[in-house]
């Protein structure tokens, strides 16, 4: 079996504008085109109070990400990476 490379060994590709934009767009697409039941299926949650809370947090995450430009999010992620790896 071939060992998969660790993406965090060289995180630069993950921190690009395109990478961040794809991440935000993918979350927004999932949020827009699916519902609570599909959210539970993807994450393996049983429908109930816990999963409802997590779904609400997911909705808030999407809303919060949309309050920032992709450029701003990219800068924040890169700055956080630098601070975390000093």
Protein backbone atom coordinates (compact mmCIF):
# COMPACT_ATOMS: atom_id res chain seq x y z
CA UNK A 1 0.00 0.00 0.00
CA UNK A 2 1.35 3.42 -0.96
CA UNK A 3 1.70 5.91 1.86
CA UNK A 4 -0.32 9.07 1.22
CA UNK A 5 1.57 12.35 1.66
CA UNK A 6 0.63 14.45 4.65
CA UNK A 7 -0.90 17.68 3.27
CA UNK A 8 0.24 19.57 6.37
CA UNK A 9 3.89 18.75 5.67
CA UNK A 10 3.65 21.43 2.98
CA UNK A 11 0.45 23.40 3.67
CA UNK A 12 0.99 26.13 1.07
CA UNK A 13 -1.35 24.56 -1.52
CA UNK A 14 -4.07 24.47 1.17
CA UNK A 15 -3.58 28.15 1.96
CA UNK A 16 -4.04 29.59 -1.50
CA UNK A 17 -6.82 31.93 -2.49
CA UNK A 18 -8.17 29.22 -4.80
CA UNK A 19 -8.06 26.61 -2.04
CA UNK A 20 -9.86 28.83 0.46
CA UNK A 21 -12.40 29.90 -2.18
CA UNK A 22 -13.11 26.25 -3.06
CA UNK A 23 -13.55 25.43 0.64
CA UNK A 24 -16.03 28.27 1.23
CA UNK A 25 -17.92 27.55 -2.00
CA UNK A 26 -18.17 23.85 -1.20
CA UNK A 27 -19.60 24.52 2.26
CA UNK A 28 -22.05 27.04 0.83
CA UNK A 29 -23.11 24.64 -1.93
CA UNK A 30 -23.72 21.87 0.58
CA UNK A 31 -25.67 24.26 2.81
CA UNK A 32 -27.77 25.61 -0.06
CA UNK A 33 -28.53 22.31 -1.81
CA UNK A 34 -29.11 19.97 1.12
CA UNK A 35 -31.13 19.80 4.29
CA UNK A 36 -30.87 18.66 7.88
CA UNK A 37 -31.46 14.99 7.02
CA UNK A 38 -28.68 14.96 4.43
CA UNK A 39 -26.39 16.78 6.90
CA UNK A 40 -27.02 13.98 9.41
CA UNK A 41 -26.37 11.29 6.77
CA UNK A 42 -23.05 12.81 5.70
CA UNK A 43 -21.80 13.13 9.27
CA UNK A 44 -23.31 9.88 10.52
CA UNK A 45 -25.50 11.67 13.07
CA UNK A 46 -28.78 10.35 14.42
CA UNK A 47 -31.52 12.94 14.16
CA UNK A 48 -32.07 14.57 17.54
CA UNK A 49 -31.11 17.44 19.81
CA UNK A 50 -27.34 17.01 19.35
CA UNK A 51 -27.51 16.92 15.55
CA UNK A 52 -29.95 19.84 15.45
CA UNK A 53 -27.44 21.88 17.47
CA UNK A 54 -24.62 20.86 15.12
CA UNK A 55 -26.75 21.73 12.07
CA UNK A 56 -27.46 25.15 13.57
CA UNK A 57 -23.73 25.64 14.15
CA UNK A 58 -23.04 24.62 10.54
CA UNK A 59 -25.56 27.18 9.30
CA UNK A 60 -23.91 29.83 11.47
CA UNK A 61 -20.49 28.82 10.14
CA UNK A 62 -21.66 29.36 6.55
CA UNK A 63 -23.19 32.71 7.43
CA UNK A 64 -20.04 33.80 9.27
CA UNK A 65 -17.74 32.80 6.41
CA UNK A 66 -19.87 34.84 4.02
CA UNK A 67 -19.26 37.94 6.15
CA UNK A 68 -15.63 37.97 4.95
CA UNK A 69 -14.11 38.14 1.50
CA UNK A 70 -12.11 35.14 0.34
CA UNK A 71 -9.03 37.38 0.31
CA UNK A 72 -9.57 38.26 3.99
CA UNK A 73 -10.11 34.64 4.99
CA UNK A 74 -6.98 33.62 3.10
CA UNK A 75 -4.91 36.26 4.92
CA UNK A 76 -6.31 35.20 8.30
CA UNK A 77 -5.65 31.50 7.67
CA UNK A 78 -2.09 32.18 6.51
CA UNK A 79 -1.44 34.43 9.51
CA UNK A 80 -2.82 31.78 11.85
CA UNK A 81 -0.63 29.14 10.27
CA UNK A 82 2.46 31.30 10.68
CA UNK A 83 1.66 32.10 14.32
CA UNK A 84 0.97 28.45 15.08
CA UNK A 85 4.24 27.25 13.55
CA UNK A 86 6.71 29.75 15.01
